[in-house]
């Protein structure tokens, strides 16, 4: 990941890299692999507290709650 001071540079540089096939752009939250990774938190919760009634999860992009809810549903 590249960090630049100006957003214009970031957009231009990431667009060029993506256009040239150098990067694979993934969403921070709306990607099956990201959601599965977040689901490991749900598995840890279920392992440590088997008779759990509720879990409170902060919601931003939705990936964290999607992963935890999927893991705890099973």
PDB file of N, CA and C in Angstrom:
ATOM      1  N   UNK A   1       0.849  -1.157   0.000  1.00  0.00           N
ATOM      2  CA  UNK A   1       0.000   0.000   0.000  1.00  0.00           C
ATOM      3  C   UNK A   1       0.902   1.229   0.000  1.00  0.00           C
ATOM      4  N   UNK A   2       0.578   2.166  -0.824  1.00  0.00           N
ATOM      5  CA  UNK A   2       1.347   3.398  -0.900  1.00  0.00           C
ATOM      6  C   UNK A   2       0.641   4.513  -0.141  1.00  0.00           C
ATOM      7  N   UNK A   3       1.392   5.283   0.590  1.00  0.00           N
ATOM      8  CA  UNK A   3       0.830   6.427   1.293  1.00  0.00           C
ATOM      9  C   UNK A   3       1.405   7.703   0.690  1.00  0.00           C
ATOM     10  N   UNK A   4       0.545   8.596   0.295  1.00  0.00           N
ATOM     11  CA  UNK A   4       0.946   9.864  -0.306  1.00  0.00           C
ATOM     12  C   UNK A   4       0.277  10.991   0.464  1.00  0.00           C
ATOM     13  N   UNK A   5       0.863  12.146   0.380  1.00  0.00           N
ATOM     14  CA  UNK A   5       0.304  13.300   1.071  1.00  0.00           C
ATOM     15  C   UNK A   5      -0.918  13.856   0.354  1.00  0.00           C
ATOM     16  N   UNK A   6      -0.957  13.756  -0.953  1.00  0.00           N
ATOM     17  CA  UNK A   6      -2.074  14.337  -1.708  1.00  0.00           C
ATOM     18  C   UNK A   6      -2.943  13.218  -2.277  1.00  0.00           C
ATOM     19  N   UNK A   7      -4.232  13.327  -2.102  1.00  0.00           N
ATOM     20  CA  UNK A   7      -5.151  12.318  -2.608  1.00  0.00           C
ATOM     21  C   UNK A   7      -5.116  12.215  -4.127  1.00  0.00           C
ATOM     22  N   UNK A   8      -4.862  13.309  -4.786  1.00  0.00           N
ATOM     23  CA  UNK A   8      -4.803  13.294  -6.251  1.00  0.00           C
ATOM     24  C   UNK A   8      -3.706  12.345  -6.712  1.00  0.00           C
ATOM     25  N   UNK A   9      -2.562  12.383  -6.052  1.00  0.00           N
ATOM     26  CA  UNK A   9      -1.464  11.489  -6.398  1.00  0.00           C
ATOM     27  C   UNK A   9      -1.857  10.039  -6.185  1.00  0.00           C
ATOM     28  N   UNK A  10      -2.538   9.763  -5.090  1.00  0.00           N
ATOM     29  CA  UNK A  10      -2.953   8.392  -4.789  1.00  0.00           C
ATOM     30  C   UNK A  10      -3.887   7.881  -5.874  1.00  0.00           C
ATOM     31  N   UNK A  11      -4.882   8.674  -6.210  1.00  0.00           N
ATOM     32  CA  UNK A  11      -5.840   8.232  -7.225  1.00  0.00           C
ATOM     33  C   UNK A  11      -5.152   8.004  -8.562  1.00  0.00           C
ATOM     34  N   UNK A  12      -4.282   8.884  -8.951  1.00  0.00           N
ATOM     35  CA  UNK A  12      -3.591   8.751 -10.227  1.00  0.00           C
ATOM     36  C   UNK A  12      -2.681   7.518 -10.212  1.00  0.00           C
ATOM     37  N   UNK A  13      -1.894   7.370  -9.145  1.00  0.00           N
ATOM     38  CA  UNK A  13      -0.945   6.261  -9.075  1.00  0.00           C
ATOM     39  C   UNK A  13      -1.643   4.912  -8.969  1.00  0.00           C
ATOM     40  N   UNK A  14      -2.711   4.826  -8.178  1.00  0.00           N
ATOM     41  CA  UNK A  14      -3.412   3.552  -8.068  1.00  0.00           C
ATOM     42  C   UNK A  14      -4.141   3.216  -9.354  1.00  0.00           C
ATOM     43  N   UNK A  15      -4.669   4.216 -10.028  1.00  0.00           N
ATOM     44  CA  UNK A  15      -5.332   3.961 -11.305  1.00  0.00           C
ATOM     45  C   UNK A  15      -4.337   3.457 -12.338  1.00  0.00           C
ATOM     46  N   UNK A  16      -3.152   4.060 -12.389  1.00  0.00           N
ATOM     47  CA  UNK A  16      -2.132   3.612 -13.331  1.00  0.00           C
ATOM     48  C   UNK A  16      -1.690   2.185 -13.027  1.00  0.00           C
ATOM     49  N   UNK A  17      -1.462   1.879 -11.764  1.00  0.00           N
ATOM     50  CA  UNK A  17      -1.025   0.539 -11.386  1.00  0.00           C
ATOM     51  C   UNK A  17      -2.105  -0.482 -11.686  1.00  0.00           C
ATOM     52  N   UNK A  18      -3.360  -0.118 -11.423  1.00  0.00           N
ATOM     53  CA  UNK A  18      -4.462  -1.034 -11.691  1.00  0.00           C
ATOM     54  C   UNK A  18      -4.626  -1.249 -13.195  1.00  0.00           C
ATOM     55  N   UNK A  19      -4.496  -0.193 -13.970  1.00  0.00           N
ATOM     56  CA  UNK A  19      -4.635  -0.283 -15.414  1.00  0.00           C
ATOM     57  C   UNK A  19      -3.549  -1.177 -16.018  1.00  0.00           C
ATOM     58  N   UNK A  20      -2.366  -1.141 -15.426  1.00  0.00           N
ATOM     59  CA  UNK A  20      -1.255  -1.949 -15.924  1.00  0.00           C
ATOM     60  C   UNK A  20      -1.270  -3.372 -15.369  1.00  0.00           C
ATOM     61  N   UNK A  21      -2.261  -3.715 -14.565  1.00  0.00           N
ATOM     62  CA  UNK A  21      -2.373  -5.058 -14.022  1.00  0.00           C
ATOM     63  C   UNK A  21      -1.383  -5.356 -12.909  1.00  0.00           C
ATOM     64  N   UNK A  22      -0.851  -4.335 -12.288  1.00  0.00           N
ATOM     65  CA  UNK A  22       0.138  -4.532 -11.233  1.00  0.00           C
ATOM     66  C   UNK A  22      -0.498  -4.806  -9.872  1.00  0.00           C
ATOM     67  N   UNK A  23      -1.690  -4.366  -9.678  1.00  0.00           N
ATOM     68  CA  UNK A  23      -2.351  -4.528  -8.388  1.00  0.00           C
ATOM     69  C   UNK A  23      -3.690  -5.218  -8.572  1.00  0.00           C
ATOM     70  N   UNK A  24      -4.119  -5.866  -7.529  1.00  0.00           N
ATOM     71  CA  UNK A  24      -5.484  -6.359  -7.443  1.00  0.00           C
ATOM     72  C   UNK A  24      -6.166  -5.506  -6.381  1.00  0.00           C
ATOM     73  N   UNK A  25      -7.170  -4.765  -6.779  1.00  0.00           N
ATOM     74  CA  UNK A  25      -7.868  -3.881  -5.850  1.00  0.00           C
ATOM     75  C   UNK A  25      -8.980  -4.679  -5.170  1.00  0.00           C
ATOM     76  N   UNK A  26      -8.958  -4.735  -3.853  1.00  0.00           N
ATOM     77  CA  UNK A  26     -10.019  -5.398  -3.097  1.00  0.00           C
ATOM     78  C   UNK A  26     -10.660  -4.385  -2.173  1.00  0.00           C
ATOM     79  N   UNK A  27     -11.889  -4.622  -1.880  1.00  0.00           N
ATOM     80  CA  UNK A  27     -12.618  -3.762  -0.964  1.00  0.00           C
ATOM     81  C   UNK A  27     -12.149  -4.037   0.459  1.00  0.00           C
ATOM     82  N   UNK A  28     -12.235  -3.041   1.303  1.00  0.00           N
ATOM     83  CA  UNK A  28     -11.859  -3.228   2.702  1.00  0.00           C
ATOM     84  C   UNK A  28     -12.890  -4.053   3.455  1.00  0.00           C
ATOM     85  N   UNK A  29     -14.082  -4.174   2.923  1.00  0.00           N
ATOM     86  CA  UNK A  29     -15.129  -4.849   3.679  1.00  0.00           C
ATOM     87  C   UNK A  29     -16.045  -5.713   2.819  1.00  0.00           C
ATOM     88  N   UNK A  30     -16.178  -5.437   1.549  1.00  0.00           N
ATOM     89  CA  UNK A  30     -17.141  -6.136   0.697  1.00  0.00           C
ATOM     90  C   UNK A  30     -16.422  -7.153  -0.195  1.00  0.00           C
ATOM     91  N   UNK A  31     -15.753  -8.096   0.430  1.00  0.00           N
ATOM     92  CA  UNK A  31     -14.999  -9.110  -0.291  1.00  0.00           C
ATOM     93  C   UNK A  31     -15.116 -10.412   0.502  1.00  0.00           C
ATOM     94  N   UNK A  32     -15.420 -11.528  -0.130  1.00  0.00           N
ATOM     95  CA  UNK A  32     -15.600 -12.784   0.615  1.00  0.00           C
ATOM     96  C   UNK A  32     -14.391 -13.171   1.476  1.00  0.00           C
ATOM     97  N   UNK A  33     -13.193 -12.933   1.007  1.00  0.00           N
ATOM     98  CA  UNK A  33     -12.011 -13.290   1.792  1.00  0.00           C
ATOM     99  C   UNK A  33     -11.883 -12.410   3.038  1.00  0.00           C
ATOM    100  N   UNK A  34     -12.226 -11.137   2.909  1.00  0.00           N
ATOM    101  CA  UNK A  34     -12.181 -10.223   4.065  1.00  0.00           C
ATOM    102  C   UNK A  34     -13.240 -10.632   5.081  1.00  0.00           C
ATOM    103  N   UNK A  35     -14.425 -10.919   4.615  1.00  0.00           N
ATOM    104  CA  UNK A  35     -15.515 -11.324   5.512  1.00  0.00           C
ATOM    105  C   UNK A  35     -15.162 -12.628   6.217  1.00  0.00           C
ATOM    106  N   UNK A  36     -14.572 -13.572   5.488  1.00  0.00           N
ATOM    107  CA  UNK A  36     -14.160 -14.840   6.101  1.00  0.00           C
ATOM    108  C   UNK A  36     -13.100 -14.603   7.167  1.00  0.00           C
ATOM    109  N   UNK A  37     -12.171 -13.722   6.892  1.00  0.00           N
ATOM    110  CA  UNK A  37     -11.142 -13.398   7.881  1.00  0.00           C
ATOM    111  C   UNK A  37     -11.732 -12.778   9.130  1.00  0.00           C
ATOM    112  N   UNK A  38     -12.708 -11.903   8.952  1.00  0.00           N
ATOM    113  CA  UNK A  38     -13.372 -11.281  10.097  1.00  0.00           C
ATOM    114  C   UNK A  38     -14.177 -12.326  10.869  1.00  0.00           C
ATOM    115  N   UNK A  39     -14.627 -13.358  10.168  1.00  0.00           N
ATOM    116  CA  UNK A  39     -15.398 -14.418  10.817  1.00  0.00           C
ATOM    117  C   UNK A  39     -14.601 -15.183  11.856  1.00  0.00           C
ATOM    118  N   UNK A  40     -13.281 -15.159  11.757  1.00  0.00           N
ATOM    119  CA  UNK A  40     -12.482 -15.856  12.759  1.00  0.00           C
ATOM    120  C   UNK A  40     -12.692 -15.267  14.151  1.00  0.00           C
ATOM    121  N   UNK A  41     -13.044 -13.992  14.206  1.00  0.00           N
ATOM    122  CA  UNK A  41     -13.362 -13.375  15.499  1.00  0.00           C
ATOM    123  C   UNK A  41     -14.601 -14.048  16.085  1.00  0.00           C
ATOM    124  N   UNK A  42     -15.600 -14.276  15.246  1.00  0.00           N
ATOM    125  CA  UNK A  42     -16.811 -14.967  15.692  1.00  0.00           C
ATOM    126  C   UNK A  42     -16.517 -16.371  16.186  1.00  0.00           C
ATOM    127  N   UNK A  43     -15.614 -17.075  15.500  1.00  0.00           N
ATOM    128  CA  UNK A  43     -15.240 -18.423  15.931  1.00  0.00           C
ATOM    129  C   UNK A  43     -14.536 -18.385  17.292  1.00  0.00           C
ATOM    130  N   UNK A  44     -13.690 -17.402  17.491  1.00  0.00           N
ATOM    131  CA  UNK A  44     -13.013 -17.268  18.787  1.00  0.00           C
ATOM    132  C   UNK A  44     -14.010 -16.963  19.898  1.00  0.00           C
ATOM    133  N   UNK A  45     -14.969 -16.099  19.609  1.00  0.00           N
ATOM    134  CA  UNK A  45     -15.998 -15.774  20.607  1.00  0.00           C
ATOM    135  C   UNK A  45     -16.783 -17.029  20.960  1.00  0.00           C
ATOM    136  N   UNK A  46     -17.207 -17.786  19.953  1.00  0.00           N
ATOM    137  CA  UNK A  46     -18.002 -18.997  20.183  1.00  0.00           C
ATOM    138  C   UNK A  46     -17.209 -20.045  20.957  1.00  0.00           C
ATOM    139  N   UNK A  47     -15.911 -20.119  20.725  1.00  0.00           N
ATOM    140  CA  UNK A  47     -15.066 -21.081  21.435  1.00  0.00           C
ATOM    141  C   UNK A  47     -14.927 -20.696  22.902  1.00  0.00           C
ATOM    142  N   UNK A  48     -14.765 -19.412  23.164  1.00  0.00           N
ATOM    143  CA  UNK A  48     -14.540 -18.961  24.533  1.00  0.00           C
ATOM    144  C   UNK A  48     -15.820 -18.844  25.350  1.00  0.00           C
ATOM    145  N   UNK A  49     -16.946 -18.561  24.684  1.00  0.00           N
ATOM    146  CA  UNK A  49     -18.225 -18.405  25.385  1.00  0.00           C
ATOM    147  C   UNK A  49     -19.291 -19.213  24.630  1.00  0.00           C
ATOM    148  N   UNK A  50     -19.350 -20.536  24.868  1.00  0.00           N
ATOM    149  CA  UNK A  50     -20.253 -21.385  24.081  1.00  0.00           C
ATOM    150  C   UNK A  50     -21.751 -21.086  24.260  1.00  0.00           C
ATOM    151  N   UNK A  51     -22.168 -20.631  25.430  1.00  0.00           N
ATOM    152  CA  UNK A  51     -23.596 -20.381  25.668  1.00  0.00           C
ATOM    153  C   UNK A  51     -23.930 -18.891  25.544  1.00  0.00           C
ATOM    154  N   UNK A  52     -23.402 -18.271  24.534  1.00  0.00           N
ATOM    155  CA  UNK A  52     -23.549 -16.841  24.299  1.00  0.00           C
ATOM    156  C   UNK A  52     -24.975 -16.484  23.881  1.00  0.00           C
ATOM    157  N   UNK A  53     -25.510 -15.408  24.436  1.00  0.00           N
ATOM    158  CA  UNK A  53     -26.848 -14.942  24.077  1.00  0.00           C
ATOM    159  C   UNK A  53     -26.817 -13.842  23.020  1.00  0.00           C
ATOM    160  N   UNK A  54     -25.834 -12.952  23.092  1.00  0.00           N
ATOM    161  CA  UNK A  54     -25.778 -11.818  22.162  1.00  0.00           C
ATOM    162  C   UNK A  54     -24.333 -11.355  22.007  1.00  0.00           C
ATOM    163  N   UNK A  55     -24.077 -10.724  20.874  1.00  0.00           N
ATOM    164  CA  UNK A  55     -22.776 -10.122  20.602  1.00  0.00           C
ATOM    165  C   UNK A  55     -23.031  -8.718  20.065  1.00  0.00           C
ATOM    166  N   UNK A  56     -22.328  -7.754  20.595  1.00  0.00           N
ATOM    167  CA  UNK A  56     -22.437  -6.379  20.115  1.00  0.00           C
ATOM    168  C   UNK A  56     -21.227  -6.106  19.236  1.00  0.00           C
ATOM    169  N   UNK A  57     -21.486  -5.734  17.980  1.00  0.00           N
ATOM    170  CA  UNK A  57     -20.422  -5.523  17.004  1.00  0.00           C
ATOM    171  C   UNK A  57     -20.549  -4.112  16.435  1.00  0.00           C
ATOM    172  N   UNK A  58     -19.454  -3.353  16.421  1.00  0.00           N
ATOM    173  CA  UNK A  58     -19.510  -2.023  15.793  1.00  0.00           C
ATOM    174  C   UNK A  58     -19.676  -2.166  14.281  1.00  0.00           C
ATOM    175  N   UNK A  59     -20.389  -1.241  13.690  1.00  0.00           N
ATOM    176  CA  UNK A  59     -20.651  -1.310  12.247  1.00  0.00           C
ATOM    177  C   UNK A  59     -20.034  -0.096  11.572  1.00  0.00           C
ATOM    178  N   UNK A  60     -19.207  -0.368  10.580  1.00  0.00           N
ATOM    179  CA  UNK A  60     -18.628   0.693   9.752  1.00  0.00           C
ATOM    180  C   UNK A  60     -18.989   0.374   8.306  1.00  0.00           C
ATOM    181  N   UNK A  61     -18.151  -0.452   7.682  1.00  0.00           N
ATOM    182  CA  UNK A  61     -18.391  -0.862   6.304  1.00  0.00           C
ATOM    183  C   UNK A  61     -19.270  -2.089   6.194  1.00  0.00           C
ATOM    184  N   UNK A  62     -19.354  -2.873   7.272  1.00  0.00           N
ATOM    185  CA  UNK A  62     -20.207  -4.045   7.276  1.00  0.00           C
ATOM    186  C   UNK A  62     -19.464  -5.369   7.220  1.00  0.00           C
ATOM    187  N   UNK A  63     -18.169  -5.351   6.913  1.00  0.00           N
ATOM    188  CA  UNK A  63     -17.399  -6.589   6.801  1.00  0.00           C
ATOM    189  C   UNK A  63     -17.238  -7.312   8.121  1.00  0.00           C
ATOM    190  N   UNK A  64     -16.998  -6.564   9.188  1.00  0.00           N
ATOM    191  CA  UNK A  64     -16.805  -7.177  10.500  1.00  0.00           C
ATOM    192  C   UNK A  64     -18.070  -7.870  10.980  1.00  0.00           C
ATOM    193  N   UNK A  65     -19.186  -7.188  10.904  1.00  0.00           N
ATOM    194  CA  UNK A  65     -20.430  -7.802  11.371  1.00  0.00           C
ATOM    195  C   UNK A  65     -20.862  -8.946  10.456  1.00  0.00           C
ATOM    196  N   UNK A  66     -20.592  -8.832   9.163  1.00  0.00           N
ATOM    197  CA  UNK A  66     -20.936  -9.919   8.237  1.00  0.00           C
ATOM    198  C   UNK A  66     -20.158 -11.180   8.581  1.00  0.00           C
ATOM    199  N   UNK A  67     -18.865 -11.024   8.853  1.00  0.00           N
ATOM    200  CA  UNK A  67     -18.045 -12.177   9.193  1.00  0.00           C
ATOM    201  C   UNK A  67     -18.426 -12.787  10.531  1.00  0.00           C
ATOM    202  N   UNK A  68     -18.595 -11.961  11.541  1.00  0.00           N
ATOM    203  CA  UNK A  68     -18.937 -12.469  12.872  1.00  0.00           C
ATOM    204  C   UNK A  68     -20.316 -13.126  12.862  1.00  0.00           C
ATOM    205  N   UNK A  69     -21.283 -12.474  12.217  1.00  0.00           N
ATOM    206  CA  UNK A  69     -22.632 -13.037  12.169  1.00  0.00           C
ATOM    207  C   UNK A  69     -22.658 -14.370  11.418  1.00  0.00           C
ATOM    208  N   UNK A  70     -21.912 -14.460  10.337  1.00  0.00           N
ATOM    209  CA  UNK A  70     -21.860 -15.709   9.566  1.00  0.00           C
ATOM    210  C   UNK A  70     -21.253 -16.831  10.408  1.00  0.00           C
ATOM    211  N   UNK A  71     -20.170 -16.537  11.107  1.00  0.00           N
ATOM    212  CA  UNK A  71     -19.507 -17.550  11.920  1.00  0.00           C
ATOM    213  C   UNK A  71     -20.383 -17.986  13.090  1.00  0.00           C
ATOM    214  N   UNK A  72     -21.056 -17.049  13.738  1.00  0.00           N
ATOM    215  CA  UNK A  72     -21.875 -17.389  14.903  1.00  0.00           C
ATOM    216  C   UNK A  72     -23.191 -18.052  14.523  1.00  0.00           C
ATOM    217  N   UNK A  73     -23.647 -17.829  13.314  1.00  0.00           N
ATOM    218  CA  UNK A  73     -24.903 -18.427  12.871  1.00  0.00           C
ATOM    219  C   UNK A  73     -24.786 -19.942  12.766  1.00  0.00           C
ATOM    220  N   UNK A  74     -23.601 -20.424  12.446  1.00  0.00           N
ATOM    221  CA  UNK A  74     -23.403 -21.870  12.223  1.00  0.00           C
ATOM    222  C   UNK A  74     -23.296 -22.621  13.479  1.00  0.00           C
TER     223      UNK A  74
END
